[in-house]
Amino acid sequence: EDGSGMVLRCVNCLDHAIDGEWRLNGKRRLREAYKARLDETTLDQLEASGNSVRFIAAPREVVTILVR
């Protein structure tokens, strides 16, 4: 809402954890990424590499990631 980043969400519909990765188009490199709650309260910092960020999605988890 503050316009300084983007919210990425996905859902793991499986009964086991999976590795995930968001890859964004464009020339802009990600400076930082955070795993967050559904209300977008930040939790753990994730490693942003170029235009992508990797994460682990627990079984049946809704994953929210904030990137800048």
N, C-alpha and C. Protein backbone atom coordinates (compact mmCIF):
# COMPACT_ATOMS: atom_id res chain seq x y z
N GLU A 1 0.80 -1.20 0.00
CA GLU A 1 0.00 0.00 0.00
C GLU A 1 0.84 1.27 0.00
N ASP A 2 2.07 1.18 0.53
CA ASP A 2 2.91 2.38 0.55
C ASP A 2 3.61 2.63 -0.78
N GLY A 3 3.47 1.70 -1.74
CA GLY A 3 4.02 1.89 -3.07
C GLY A 3 5.51 1.62 -3.19
N SER A 4 6.14 1.14 -2.13
CA SER A 4 7.59 0.95 -2.18
C SER A 4 8.00 -0.47 -2.57
N GLY A 5 7.06 -1.33 -2.87
CA GLY A 5 7.41 -2.69 -3.23
C GLY A 5 6.25 -3.42 -3.86
N MET A 6 6.36 -4.74 -3.85
CA MET A 6 5.34 -5.58 -4.46
C MET A 6 5.07 -6.77 -3.54
N VAL A 7 3.82 -7.22 -3.52
CA VAL A 7 3.42 -8.38 -2.74
C VAL A 7 3.23 -9.55 -3.70
N LEU A 8 3.89 -10.66 -3.41
CA LEU A 8 3.77 -11.89 -4.20
C LEU A 8 3.12 -12.94 -3.33
N ARG A 9 2.13 -13.66 -3.88
CA ARG A 9 1.47 -14.71 -3.10
C ARG A 9 1.33 -15.96 -3.95
N CYS A 10 1.42 -17.10 -3.27
CA CYS A 10 1.12 -18.38 -3.91
C CYS A 10 0.62 -19.34 -2.84
N VAL A 11 0.02 -20.43 -3.29
CA VAL A 11 -0.54 -21.43 -2.38
C VAL A 11 0.04 -22.79 -2.72
N ASN A 12 0.51 -23.49 -1.72
CA ASN A 12 0.93 -24.87 -1.89
C ASN A 12 -0.27 -25.75 -1.58
N CYS A 13 -0.88 -26.34 -2.59
CA CYS A 13 -2.07 -27.18 -2.40
C CYS A 13 -1.71 -28.63 -2.10
N LEU A 14 -0.44 -28.93 -1.97
CA LEU A 14 0.02 -30.30 -1.73
C LEU A 14 0.09 -30.62 -0.25
N ASP A 15 0.21 -31.90 0.05
CA ASP A 15 0.31 -32.36 1.44
C ASP A 15 1.76 -32.48 1.91
N HIS A 16 2.68 -31.92 1.14
CA HIS A 16 4.09 -31.91 1.54
C HIS A 16 4.72 -30.57 1.15
N ALA A 17 5.82 -30.24 1.82
CA ALA A 17 6.52 -28.98 1.55
C ALA A 17 7.16 -29.04 0.17
N ILE A 18 7.27 -27.87 -0.46
CA ILE A 18 7.92 -27.79 -1.77
C ILE A 18 8.81 -26.55 -1.81
N ASP A 19 9.82 -26.62 -2.67
CA ASP A 19 10.66 -25.46 -2.94
C ASP A 19 9.96 -24.62 -4.00
N GLY A 20 9.97 -23.31 -3.81
CA GLY A 20 9.36 -22.41 -4.78
C GLY A 20 10.32 -21.30 -5.16
N GLU A 21 10.03 -20.65 -6.26
CA GLU A 21 10.84 -19.53 -6.72
C GLU A 21 9.98 -18.58 -7.54
N TRP A 22 10.05 -17.31 -7.20
CA TRP A 22 9.44 -16.26 -8.02
C TRP A 22 10.54 -15.68 -8.88
N ARG A 23 10.27 -15.56 -10.18
CA ARG A 23 11.18 -14.88 -11.11
C ARG A 23 10.40 -13.76 -11.77
N LEU A 24 10.88 -12.55 -11.58
CA LEU A 24 10.19 -11.38 -12.12
C LEU A 24 10.80 -10.97 -13.46
N ASN A 25 9.94 -10.56 -14.38
CA ASN A 25 10.41 -10.04 -15.67
C ASN A 25 10.93 -8.63 -15.50
N GLY A 26 11.69 -8.19 -16.44
CA GLY A 26 12.17 -6.82 -16.42
C GLY A 26 13.63 -6.72 -16.01
N LYS A 27 14.13 -5.52 -16.08
CA LYS A 27 15.55 -5.27 -15.80
C LYS A 27 15.82 -4.89 -14.36
N ARG A 28 14.76 -4.61 -13.61
CA ARG A 28 14.96 -4.20 -12.22
C ARG A 28 15.38 -5.38 -11.36
N ARG A 29 16.44 -5.19 -10.61
CA ARG A 29 16.93 -6.23 -9.70
C ARG A 29 16.26 -6.05 -8.33
N LEU A 30 15.99 -7.17 -7.68
CA LEU A 30 15.40 -7.12 -6.35
C LEU A 30 16.47 -6.73 -5.34
N ARG A 31 16.17 -5.76 -4.52
CA ARG A 31 17.10 -5.33 -3.46
C ARG A 31 16.91 -6.16 -2.20
N GLU A 32 15.64 -6.49 -1.88
CA GLU A 32 15.36 -7.25 -0.66
C GLU A 32 14.04 -7.98 -0.80
N ALA A 33 13.91 -9.06 -0.01
CA ALA A 33 12.69 -9.86 -0.01
C ALA A 33 12.45 -10.38 1.40
N TYR A 34 11.19 -10.41 1.80
CA TYR A 34 10.81 -10.88 3.13
C TYR A 34 9.62 -11.81 3.04
N LYS A 35 9.65 -12.91 3.77
CA LYS A 35 8.45 -13.73 3.95
C LYS A 35 7.57 -12.96 4.92
N ALA A 36 6.26 -13.00 4.71
CA ALA A 36 5.35 -12.20 5.52
C ALA A 36 4.08 -12.98 5.84
N ARG A 37 3.34 -12.47 6.81
CA ARG A 37 2.02 -13.02 7.13
C ARG A 37 1.03 -12.52 6.08
N LEU A 38 -0.18 -13.05 6.11
CA LEU A 38 -1.20 -12.62 5.16
C LEU A 38 -1.51 -11.13 5.28
N ASP A 39 -1.36 -10.58 6.50
CA ASP A 39 -1.61 -9.14 6.68
C ASP A 39 -0.39 -8.30 6.29
N GLU A 40 0.62 -8.95 5.70
CA GLU A 40 1.84 -8.34 5.19
C GLU A 40 2.81 -7.85 6.25
N THR A 41 2.65 -8.32 7.48
CA THR A 41 3.64 -8.09 8.52
C THR A 41 4.86 -8.94 8.18
N THR A 42 6.04 -8.32 8.08
CA THR A 42 7.23 -9.06 7.67
C THR A 42 7.69 -10.02 8.75
N LEU A 43 8.23 -11.14 8.29
CA LEU A 43 8.78 -12.17 9.18
C LEU A 43 10.27 -12.31 8.89
N ASP A 44 10.65 -13.33 8.15
CA ASP A 44 12.05 -13.61 7.88
C ASP A 44 12.50 -13.00 6.56
N GLN A 45 13.74 -12.52 6.54
CA GLN A 45 14.31 -12.02 5.29
C GLN A 45 14.71 -13.21 4.43
N LEU A 46 14.45 -13.10 3.14
CA LEU A 46 14.83 -14.12 2.17
C LEU A 46 15.94 -13.57 1.29
N GLU A 47 16.69 -14.46 0.68
CA GLU A 47 17.76 -14.03 -0.21
C GLU A 47 17.20 -13.71 -1.59
N ALA A 48 17.37 -12.49 -2.02
CA ALA A 48 16.98 -12.08 -3.37
C ALA A 48 18.21 -12.14 -4.24
N SER A 49 18.09 -12.80 -5.39
CA SER A 49 19.22 -12.95 -6.29
C SER A 49 18.82 -12.48 -7.68
N GLY A 50 19.33 -11.33 -8.07
CA GLY A 50 18.95 -10.76 -9.37
C GLY A 50 17.49 -10.41 -9.40
N ASN A 51 16.72 -11.11 -10.24
CA ASN A 51 15.29 -10.84 -10.32
C ASN A 51 14.46 -12.00 -9.76
N SER A 52 15.07 -12.83 -8.88
CA SER A 52 14.33 -13.97 -8.34
C SER A 52 14.52 -14.10 -6.83
N VAL A 53 13.58 -14.80 -6.23
CA VAL A 53 13.64 -15.09 -4.80
C VAL A 53 13.11 -16.51 -4.59
N ARG A 54 13.86 -17.30 -3.84
CA ARG A 54 13.48 -18.69 -3.54
C ARG A 54 12.88 -18.77 -2.15
N PHE A 55 12.02 -19.78 -1.96
CA PHE A 55 11.37 -19.97 -0.67
C PHE A 55 10.92 -21.42 -0.53
N ILE A 56 10.53 -21.79 0.67
CA ILE A 56 9.95 -23.11 0.93
C ILE A 56 8.51 -22.88 1.36
N ALA A 57 7.59 -23.62 0.74
CA ALA A 57 6.18 -23.53 1.09
C ALA A 57 5.79 -24.80 1.85
N ALA A 58 5.34 -24.64 3.07
CA ALA A 58 4.89 -25.77 3.89
C ALA A 58 3.62 -26.37 3.29
N PRO A 59 3.24 -27.57 3.71
CA PRO A 59 2.00 -28.17 3.20
C PRO A 59 0.80 -27.24 3.43
N ARG A 60 0.02 -27.03 2.37
CA ARG A 60 -1.21 -26.22 2.42
C ARG A 60 -0.99 -24.76 2.83
N GLU A 61 0.22 -24.28 2.72
CA GLU A 61 0.54 -22.91 3.16
C GLU A 61 0.25 -21.88 2.07
N VAL A 62 -0.29 -20.74 2.48
CA VAL A 62 -0.38 -19.57 1.63
C VAL A 62 0.90 -18.77 1.90
N VAL A 63 1.73 -18.60 0.89
CA VAL A 63 3.01 -17.92 1.04
C VAL A 63 2.87 -16.47 0.57
N THR A 64 3.27 -15.53 1.42
CA THR A 64 3.28 -14.13 1.07
C THR A 64 4.72 -13.63 1.14
N ILE A 65 5.16 -12.99 0.07
CA ILE A 65 6.52 -12.46 0.01
C ILE A 65 6.45 -11.00 -0.41
N LEU A 66 7.15 -10.17 0.33
CA LEU A 66 7.24 -8.74 0.01
C LEU A 66 8.62 -8.50 -0.62
N VAL A 67 8.64 -7.87 -1.79
CA VAL A 67 9.91 -7.58 -2.46
C VAL A 67 10.02 -6.10 -2.79
N ARG A 68 11.26 -5.63 -2.83
CA ARG A 68 11.58 -4.25 -3.23
C ARG A 68 12.78 -4.32 -4.14
